[in-house]
């Protein structure tokens, strides 16, 4: 596993992701972990196989989900792939934490954010907790990346 320091994840977020039955959710505003604020488009999902384990150098870790961040990188514009996708593994144990970012070669450098993002259900957070909203394309929003960088 990466030597990156684990980052905190709200256990309630993981419960909501599990309740979505495997769907990827767009994490709007405060629904995304605070350490991801302002980075780009943030999505989360629960693991299909909850008991999948990986080794982090200290012992096995139970992977319970993942977080993907689509962000703009002007340095990659010259290569025609200005969108970077960073992946974080969400694990459980004594605490719920995320490890990453992992940059997978086959989908880290992208020309645009994939169009499926427009059809992803939205999860928001307010004082009363997490709330499922409509699908991303069905509610007015200002995307955190220029609309020209999103397919479709």
N, C-alpha and C. Protein backbone atom coordinates (compact mmCIF):
# COMPACT_ATOMS: atom_id res chain seq x y z
N UNK A 1 0.84 -1.18 0.00
CA UNK A 1 0.00 0.00 0.00
C UNK A 1 0.88 1.24 0.00
N UNK A 2 0.31 2.33 -0.38
CA UNK A 2 1.04 3.59 -0.43
C UNK A 2 1.47 4.04 0.96
N UNK A 3 2.55 4.77 0.98
CA UNK A 3 3.03 5.31 2.26
C UNK A 3 2.24 6.55 2.66
N UNK A 4 1.26 6.94 1.85
CA UNK A 4 0.47 8.12 2.18
C UNK A 4 -0.22 7.95 3.53
N UNK A 5 -0.29 9.04 4.25
CA UNK A 5 -0.95 9.04 5.55
C UNK A 5 -2.45 8.82 5.38
N UNK A 6 -3.05 7.93 6.18
CA UNK A 6 -4.50 7.72 6.08
C UNK A 6 -5.26 8.99 6.42
N UNK A 7 -6.38 9.18 5.73
CA UNK A 7 -7.21 10.37 5.91
C UNK A 7 -8.56 9.96 6.49
N UNK A 8 -9.15 10.76 7.37
CA UNK A 8 -10.41 10.37 8.02
C UNK A 8 -11.60 10.42 7.06
N UNK A 9 -12.51 9.47 7.25
CA UNK A 9 -13.77 9.41 6.50
C UNK A 9 -14.89 9.20 7.52
N UNK A 10 -15.97 9.94 7.37
CA UNK A 10 -17.12 9.83 8.26
C UNK A 10 -17.77 8.45 8.09
N UNK A 11 -17.86 7.65 9.15
CA UNK A 11 -18.49 6.32 9.03
C UNK A 11 -19.92 6.40 8.50
N UNK A 12 -20.63 7.48 8.77
CA UNK A 12 -22.00 7.63 8.26
C UNK A 12 -22.01 7.73 6.74
N UNK A 13 -20.97 8.31 6.15
CA UNK A 13 -20.86 8.37 4.69
C UNK A 13 -20.80 6.95 4.13
N UNK A 14 -20.04 6.09 4.74
CA UNK A 14 -19.93 4.70 4.26
C UNK A 14 -21.27 3.99 4.40
N UNK A 15 -22.00 4.23 5.48
CA UNK A 15 -23.33 3.62 5.63
C UNK A 15 -24.26 4.07 4.50
N UNK A 16 -24.20 5.35 4.13
CA UNK A 16 -25.04 5.86 3.04
C UNK A 16 -24.62 5.27 1.70
N UNK A 17 -23.31 5.13 1.48
CA UNK A 17 -22.84 4.53 0.23
C UNK A 17 -23.28 3.07 0.13
N UNK A 18 -23.25 2.34 1.25
CA UNK A 18 -23.71 0.95 1.25
C UNK A 18 -25.21 0.89 0.96
N UNK A 19 -25.97 1.85 1.46
CA UNK A 19 -27.41 1.88 1.23
C UNK A 19 -27.75 2.14 -0.23
N UNK A 20 -26.80 2.64 -1.01
CA UNK A 20 -27.03 2.93 -2.42
C UNK A 20 -26.89 1.68 -3.30
N UNK A 21 -26.71 0.53 -2.70
CA UNK A 21 -26.67 -0.75 -3.42
C UNK A 21 -25.69 -0.77 -4.58
N UNK A 22 -24.48 -0.34 -4.32
CA UNK A 22 -23.44 -0.42 -5.34
C UNK A 22 -23.36 0.72 -6.32
N UNK A 23 -24.30 1.66 -6.24
CA UNK A 23 -24.25 2.81 -7.15
C UNK A 23 -23.13 3.77 -6.75
N UNK A 24 -22.55 4.39 -7.72
CA UNK A 24 -21.62 5.49 -7.47
C UNK A 24 -22.46 6.72 -7.18
N UNK A 25 -22.07 7.50 -6.18
CA UNK A 25 -22.79 8.72 -5.82
C UNK A 25 -21.87 9.92 -5.97
N UNK A 26 -22.44 11.02 -6.44
CA UNK A 26 -21.72 12.28 -6.50
C UNK A 26 -21.80 12.90 -5.11
N UNK A 27 -20.65 13.17 -4.50
CA UNK A 27 -20.61 13.72 -3.14
C UNK A 27 -20.52 15.23 -3.23
N UNK A 28 -21.65 15.88 -3.01
CA UNK A 28 -21.75 17.33 -3.14
C UNK A 28 -21.43 18.04 -1.83
N UNK A 29 -20.76 19.16 -1.93
CA UNK A 29 -20.50 20.02 -0.77
C UNK A 29 -19.89 19.28 0.40
N UNK A 30 -20.55 19.37 1.53
CA UNK A 30 -20.02 18.77 2.76
C UNK A 30 -20.18 17.26 2.83
N UNK A 31 -20.81 16.64 1.81
CA UNK A 31 -20.91 15.19 1.79
C UNK A 31 -19.53 14.57 1.53
N UNK A 32 -18.69 15.29 0.80
CA UNK A 32 -17.32 14.82 0.55
C UNK A 32 -16.47 15.07 1.79
N UNK A 33 -15.51 14.20 2.05
CA UNK A 33 -14.61 14.46 3.19
C UNK A 33 -13.95 15.83 3.05
N UNK A 34 -13.79 16.53 4.16
CA UNK A 34 -13.25 17.89 4.14
C UNK A 34 -11.91 18.03 3.47
N UNK A 35 -11.07 17.01 3.54
CA UNK A 35 -9.74 17.09 2.95
C UNK A 35 -9.78 17.06 1.42
N UNK A 36 -10.99 16.83 0.83
CA UNK A 36 -11.15 16.86 -0.62
C UNK A 36 -11.82 18.14 -1.12
N UNK A 37 -12.17 19.05 -0.22
CA UNK A 37 -12.86 20.28 -0.61
C UNK A 37 -12.07 21.06 -1.65
N UNK A 38 -12.75 21.42 -2.71
CA UNK A 38 -12.16 22.27 -3.74
C UNK A 38 -11.27 21.58 -4.75
N UNK A 39 -11.14 20.25 -4.66
CA UNK A 39 -10.25 19.55 -5.60
C UNK A 39 -10.89 19.29 -6.96
N UNK A 40 -12.20 19.09 -7.00
CA UNK A 40 -12.85 18.78 -8.27
C UNK A 40 -14.15 18.05 -8.02
N UNK A 41 -14.52 17.17 -8.96
CA UNK A 41 -15.74 16.37 -8.85
C UNK A 41 -15.41 15.13 -8.01
N UNK A 42 -16.17 14.91 -6.93
CA UNK A 42 -15.88 13.82 -5.99
C UNK A 42 -17.02 12.81 -6.03
N UNK A 43 -16.68 11.53 -6.24
CA UNK A 43 -17.66 10.44 -6.26
C UNK A 43 -17.24 9.40 -5.24
N UNK A 44 -18.22 8.68 -4.72
CA UNK A 44 -17.93 7.61 -3.78
C UNK A 44 -18.79 6.41 -4.06
N UNK A 45 -18.32 5.24 -3.64
CA UNK A 45 -19.11 4.02 -3.76
C UNK A 45 -18.65 3.03 -2.70
N UNK A 46 -19.56 2.13 -2.35
CA UNK A 46 -19.22 1.06 -1.42
C UNK A 46 -18.65 -0.11 -2.21
N UNK A 47 -17.81 -0.90 -1.58
CA UNK A 47 -17.22 -2.07 -2.24
C UNK A 47 -18.30 -3.12 -2.48
N UNK A 48 -18.24 -3.78 -3.64
CA UNK A 48 -19.18 -4.87 -3.92
C UNK A 48 -18.91 -6.05 -3.00
N UNK A 49 -17.64 -6.31 -2.74
CA UNK A 49 -17.24 -7.42 -1.88
C UNK A 49 -16.60 -6.81 -0.64
N UNK A 50 -17.36 -6.75 0.44
CA UNK A 50 -16.90 -6.04 1.63
C UNK A 50 -15.67 -6.64 2.27
N UNK A 51 -15.42 -7.91 2.11
CA UNK A 51 -14.32 -8.55 2.81
C UNK A 51 -13.03 -8.59 1.99
N UNK A 52 -12.99 -7.83 0.91
CA UNK A 52 -11.76 -7.78 0.13
C UNK A 52 -10.66 -7.17 0.98
N UNK A 53 -9.53 -7.85 1.08
CA UNK A 53 -8.45 -7.37 1.93
C UNK A 53 -7.22 -7.08 1.11
N UNK A 54 -6.48 -6.10 1.54
CA UNK A 54 -5.21 -5.77 0.92
C UNK A 54 -4.17 -5.66 2.02
N UNK A 55 -2.93 -5.64 1.65
CA UNK A 55 -1.86 -5.56 2.62
C UNK A 55 -1.24 -4.17 2.58
N UNK A 56 -1.13 -3.52 3.71
CA UNK A 56 -0.57 -2.16 3.75
C UNK A 56 0.83 -2.13 4.37
N UNK A 57 1.45 -3.28 4.54
CA UNK A 57 2.77 -3.33 5.15
C UNK A 57 2.69 -3.60 6.64
N UNK A 58 1.52 -3.43 7.24
CA UNK A 58 1.34 -3.68 8.67
C UNK A 58 0.40 -4.84 8.92
N UNK A 59 -0.37 -5.20 7.92
CA UNK A 59 -1.33 -6.28 8.08
C UNK A 59 -2.48 -6.09 7.13
N UNK A 60 -3.42 -7.03 7.12
CA UNK A 60 -4.54 -6.93 6.19
C UNK A 60 -5.50 -5.81 6.59
N UNK A 61 -6.08 -5.20 5.57
CA UNK A 61 -7.05 -4.12 5.78
C UNK A 61 -8.31 -4.46 5.01
N UNK A 62 -9.45 -4.21 5.60
CA UNK A 62 -10.73 -4.46 4.95
C UNK A 62 -11.13 -3.24 4.14
N UNK A 63 -11.26 -3.43 2.83
CA UNK A 63 -11.68 -2.35 1.95
C UNK A 63 -13.20 -2.32 1.90
N UNK A 64 -13.80 -1.16 2.24
CA UNK A 64 -15.26 -1.05 2.27
C UNK A 64 -15.80 -0.12 1.19
N UNK A 65 -14.91 0.56 0.47
CA UNK A 65 -15.39 1.46 -0.57
C UNK A 65 -14.26 2.20 -1.24
N UNK A 66 -14.65 3.14 -2.07
CA UNK A 66 -13.66 3.94 -2.78
C UNK A 66 -14.18 5.34 -3.05
N UNK A 67 -13.25 6.25 -3.24
CA UNK A 67 -13.58 7.62 -3.59
C UNK A 67 -12.74 7.97 -4.81
N UNK A 68 -13.39 8.53 -5.82
CA UNK A 68 -12.69 9.00 -7.01
C UNK A 68 -12.84 10.51 -7.10
N UNK A 69 -11.75 11.17 -7.46
CA UNK A 69 -11.76 12.62 -7.64
C UNK A 69 -11.31 12.91 -9.06
N UNK A 70 -12.16 13.64 -9.80
CA UNK A 70 -11.80 14.12 -11.13
C UNK A 70 -11.39 15.57 -10.96
N UNK A 71 -10.14 15.88 -11.31
CA UNK A 71 -9.64 17.24 -11.12
C UNK A 71 -8.91 17.72 -12.37
N UNK A 72 -8.89 19.01 -12.54
CA UNK A 72 -8.22 19.64 -13.68
C UNK A 72 -6.75 19.85 -13.36
N UNK A 73 -5.87 19.46 -14.30
CA UNK A 73 -4.44 19.68 -14.16
C UNK A 73 -3.94 20.40 -15.40
N UNK A 74 -3.70 21.71 -15.32
CA UNK A 74 -3.28 22.47 -16.50
C UNK A 74 -1.95 21.98 -17.08
N UNK A 75 -1.11 21.34 -16.28
CA UNK A 75 0.16 20.82 -16.78
C UNK A 75 -0.05 19.68 -17.78
N UNK A 76 -1.20 19.00 -17.71
CA UNK A 76 -1.47 17.89 -18.62
C UNK A 76 -2.26 18.30 -19.86
N UNK A 77 -2.61 19.59 -19.95
CA UNK A 77 -3.34 20.10 -21.11
C UNK A 77 -2.54 19.89 -22.39
N UNK A 78 -1.23 20.06 -22.34
CA UNK A 78 -0.37 19.91 -23.53
C UNK A 78 -0.38 18.48 -24.06
N UNK A 79 -0.78 17.51 -23.24
CA UNK A 79 -0.87 16.12 -23.67
C UNK A 79 -2.28 15.76 -24.13
N UNK A 80 -3.20 16.72 -24.07
CA UNK A 80 -4.59 16.47 -24.46
C UNK A 80 -5.39 15.72 -23.43
N UNK A 81 -4.87 15.62 -22.21
CA UNK A 81 -5.56 14.89 -21.14
C UNK A 81 -5.50 15.72 -19.86
N UNK A 82 -6.28 16.82 -19.82
CA UNK A 82 -6.19 17.74 -18.68
C UNK A 82 -6.96 17.32 -17.44
N UNK A 83 -7.70 16.21 -17.50
CA UNK A 83 -8.45 15.73 -16.34
C UNK A 83 -7.68 14.57 -15.72
N UNK A 84 -7.44 14.67 -14.43
CA UNK A 84 -6.78 13.60 -13.69
C UNK A 84 -7.79 12.95 -12.76
N UNK A 85 -7.80 11.62 -12.74
CA UNK A 85 -8.66 10.87 -11.83
C UNK A 85 -7.78 10.26 -10.76
N UNK A 86 -8.02 10.63 -9.51
CA UNK A 86 -7.30 10.07 -8.37
C UNK A 86 -8.24 9.15 -7.63
N UNK A 87 -7.73 7.99 -7.21
CA UNK A 87 -8.56 7.01 -6.53
C UNK A 87 -8.06 6.84 -5.09
N UNK A 88 -9.00 6.77 -4.16
CA UNK A 88 -8.71 6.53 -2.75
C UNK A 88 -9.44 5.26 -2.32
N UNK A 89 -8.76 4.38 -1.61
CA UNK A 89 -9.39 3.20 -1.02
C UNK A 89 -9.90 3.56 0.36
N UNK A 90 -11.15 3.23 0.65
CA UNK A 90 -11.73 3.49 1.97
C UNK A 90 -11.73 2.17 2.73
N UNK A 91 -11.15 2.21 3.93
CA UNK A 91 -10.98 1.00 4.73
C UNK A 91 -11.68 1.16 6.08
N UNK A 92 -11.98 0.02 6.69
CA UNK A 92 -12.56 0.07 8.04
C UNK A 92 -11.70 -0.76 8.97
N UNK A 93 -11.85 -0.50 10.21
CA UNK A 93 -11.12 -1.17 11.28
C UNK A 93 -11.54 -0.45 12.54
N UNK A 94 -10.58 0.04 13.31
CA UNK A 94 -10.93 0.85 14.48
C UNK A 94 -11.55 2.17 14.05
N UNK A 95 -11.12 2.68 12.89
CA UNK A 95 -11.67 3.90 12.31
C UNK A 95 -11.86 3.68 10.82
N UNK A 96 -12.67 4.54 10.20
CA UNK A 96 -12.84 4.51 8.75
C UNK A 96 -11.87 5.53 8.17
N UNK A 97 -11.03 5.06 7.24
CA UNK A 97 -9.98 5.92 6.68
C UNK A 97 -9.88 5.71 5.18
N UNK A 98 -9.27 6.69 4.51
CA UNK A 98 -8.99 6.58 3.08
C UNK A 98 -7.49 6.62 2.88
N UNK A 99 -7.02 5.77 1.98
CA UNK A 99 -5.61 5.76 1.57
C UNK A 99 -5.54 6.19 0.11
N UNK A 100 -4.56 6.99 -0.20
CA UNK A 100 -4.36 7.42 -1.58
C UNK A 100 -3.80 8.83 -1.59
N UNK A 101 -3.74 9.45 -2.73
CA UNK A 101 -4.38 9.03 -3.98
C UNK A 101 -3.54 8.01 -4.73
N UNK A 102 -4.26 7.10 -5.41
CA UNK A 102 -3.63 6.16 -6.31
C UNK A 102 -3.91 6.64 -7.72
N UNK A 103 -2.92 6.61 -8.52
CA UNK A 103 -3.04 7.05 -9.91
C UNK A 103 -2.88 5.82 -10.79
N UNK A 104 -4.01 5.27 -11.22
CA UNK A 104 -3.98 4.07 -12.06
C UNK A 104 -3.70 4.48 -13.50
N UNK A 105 -2.69 3.88 -14.09
CA UNK A 105 -2.21 4.30 -15.41
C UNK A 105 -3.31 4.28 -16.48
N UNK A 106 -4.21 3.30 -16.42
CA UNK A 106 -5.22 3.18 -17.47
C UNK A 106 -6.35 4.20 -17.37
N UNK A 107 -6.52 4.87 -16.23
CA UNK A 107 -7.60 5.86 -16.15
C UNK A 107 -7.26 7.09 -15.31
N UNK A 108 -5.97 7.38 -15.14
CA UNK A 108 -5.60 8.59 -14.40
C UNK A 108 -5.63 9.82 -15.29
N UNK A 109 -5.08 9.72 -16.49
CA UNK A 109 -5.04 10.86 -17.41
C UNK A 109 -6.17 10.72 -18.41
N UNK A 110 -7.09 11.68 -18.39
CA UNK A 110 -8.28 11.62 -19.23
C UNK A 110 -8.45 12.92 -20.01
N UNK A 111 -9.01 12.84 -21.23
CA UNK A 111 -9.29 14.08 -21.96
C UNK A 111 -10.46 14.85 -21.35
N UNK A 112 -11.44 14.10 -20.79
CA UNK A 112 -12.62 14.72 -20.15
C UNK A 112 -13.13 13.80 -19.05
N UNK A 113 -13.95 14.36 -18.18
CA UNK A 113 -14.66 13.55 -17.17
C UNK A 113 -15.68 12.70 -17.94
N UNK A 114 -15.76 11.39 -17.66
CA UNK A 114 -16.72 10.54 -18.38
C UNK A 114 -18.16 11.05 -18.22
N UNK A 115 -18.96 10.85 -19.27
CA UNK A 115 -20.32 11.37 -19.29
C UNK A 115 -21.23 10.74 -18.24
N UNK A 116 -20.89 9.54 -17.74
CA UNK A 116 -21.76 8.91 -16.73
C UNK A 116 -21.93 9.78 -15.50
N UNK A 117 -21.00 10.70 -15.28
CA UNK A 117 -21.07 11.56 -14.09
C UNK A 117 -22.35 12.39 -14.07
N UNK A 118 -22.90 12.66 -15.26
CA UNK A 118 -24.13 13.45 -15.34
C UNK A 118 -25.36 12.66 -14.88
N UNK A 119 -25.24 11.35 -14.80
CA UNK A 119 -26.37 10.49 -14.43
C UNK A 119 -26.24 9.88 -13.05
N UNK A 120 -25.26 10.33 -12.30
CA UNK A 120 -24.98 9.77 -10.98
C UNK A 120 -25.89 10.43 -9.93
N UNK A 121 -26.49 9.63 -9.04
CA UNK A 121 -27.27 10.23 -7.95
C UNK A 121 -26.38 11.10 -7.06
N UNK A 122 -26.99 12.12 -6.49
CA UNK A 122 -26.26 13.09 -5.68
C UNK A 122 -26.53 12.84 -4.20
N UNK A 123 -25.46 12.88 -3.41
CA UNK A 123 -25.57 12.80 -1.95
C UNK A 123 -25.08 14.12 -1.40
N UNK A 124 -25.93 14.79 -0.63
CA UNK A 124 -25.55 16.05 0.00
C UNK A 124 -25.60 15.87 1.51
N UNK A 125 -25.02 16.84 2.22
CA UNK A 125 -25.02 16.78 3.69
C UNK A 125 -25.46 18.13 4.22
N UNK A 126 -26.36 18.07 5.19
CA UNK A 126 -26.82 19.29 5.84
C UNK A 126 -26.77 19.05 7.35
N UNK A 127 -27.28 19.99 8.10
CA UNK A 127 -27.28 19.85 9.55
C UNK A 127 -27.98 18.60 10.02
N UNK A 128 -28.95 18.11 9.24
CA UNK A 128 -29.71 16.92 9.60
C UNK A 128 -29.07 15.61 9.16
N UNK A 129 -27.92 15.68 8.51
CA UNK A 129 -27.25 14.47 8.06
C UNK A 129 -27.16 14.41 6.55
N UNK A 130 -26.95 13.21 6.03
CA UNK A 130 -26.80 12.99 4.59
C UNK A 130 -28.17 12.84 3.95
N UNK A 131 -28.34 13.43 2.76
CA UNK A 131 -29.62 13.41 2.06
C UNK A 131 -29.38 13.03 0.60
N UNK A 132 -30.15 12.03 0.10
CA UNK A 132 -30.08 11.69 -1.32
C UNK A 132 -30.87 12.73 -2.09
N UNK A 133 -30.29 13.19 -3.18
CA UNK A 133 -30.95 14.17 -4.03
C UNK A 133 -31.27 13.51 -5.38
N UNK A 134 -31.59 14.32 -6.36
CA UNK A 134 -31.88 13.85 -7.70
C UNK A 134 -30.58 13.42 -8.40
N UNK A 135 -30.68 13.03 -9.65
CA UNK A 135 -29.49 12.73 -10.44
C UNK A 135 -28.79 14.03 -10.81
N UNK A 136 -27.48 13.96 -10.99
CA UNK A 136 -26.65 15.14 -11.18
C UNK A 136 -27.15 16.05 -12.29
N UNK A 137 -27.56 15.50 -13.41
CA UNK A 137 -27.96 16.34 -14.54
C UNK A 137 -29.36 16.93 -14.36
N UNK A 138 -30.12 16.43 -13.40
CA UNK A 138 -31.50 16.88 -13.22
C UNK A 138 -31.65 18.04 -12.25
N UNK A 139 -30.59 18.45 -11.62
CA UNK A 139 -30.68 19.58 -10.71
C UNK A 139 -29.68 20.64 -11.14
N UNK A 140 -30.05 21.89 -10.93
CA UNK A 140 -29.15 22.98 -11.31
C UNK A 140 -27.91 22.90 -10.47
N UNK A 141 -26.78 23.05 -11.12
CA UNK A 141 -25.52 23.00 -10.38
C UNK A 141 -24.47 23.76 -11.14
N UNK A 142 -23.50 24.19 -10.39
CA UNK A 142 -22.28 24.74 -10.98
C UNK A 142 -21.21 23.68 -10.75
N UNK A 143 -20.80 23.01 -11.82
CA UNK A 143 -19.80 21.95 -11.70
C UNK A 143 -18.49 22.54 -11.20
N UNK A 144 -17.74 21.79 -10.40
CA UNK A 144 -16.46 22.31 -9.89
C UNK A 144 -15.35 22.32 -10.95
N UNK A 145 -15.64 21.78 -12.15
CA UNK A 145 -14.73 21.86 -13.28
C UNK A 145 -15.49 22.54 -14.42
N UNK A 146 -14.79 23.15 -15.35
CA UNK A 146 -15.50 23.75 -16.50
C UNK A 146 -16.34 22.69 -17.22
N UNK A 147 -17.56 23.07 -17.59
CA UNK A 147 -18.49 22.14 -18.26
C UNK A 147 -17.87 21.55 -19.53
N UNK A 148 -16.98 22.27 -20.18
CA UNK A 148 -16.33 21.78 -21.39
C UNK A 148 -15.43 20.57 -21.13
N UNK A 149 -15.10 20.33 -19.87
CA UNK A 149 -14.25 19.18 -19.51
C UNK A 149 -15.07 17.94 -19.13
N UNK A 150 -16.40 18.01 -19.30
CA UNK A 150 -17.27 16.88 -18.99
C UNK A 150 -17.91 16.39 -20.30
N UNK A 151 -17.73 15.11 -20.60
CA UNK A 151 -18.31 14.56 -21.83
C UNK A 151 -19.81 14.71 -21.84
N UNK A 152 -20.36 14.80 -23.06
CA UNK A 152 -21.81 14.81 -23.24
C UNK A 152 -22.40 16.11 -22.95
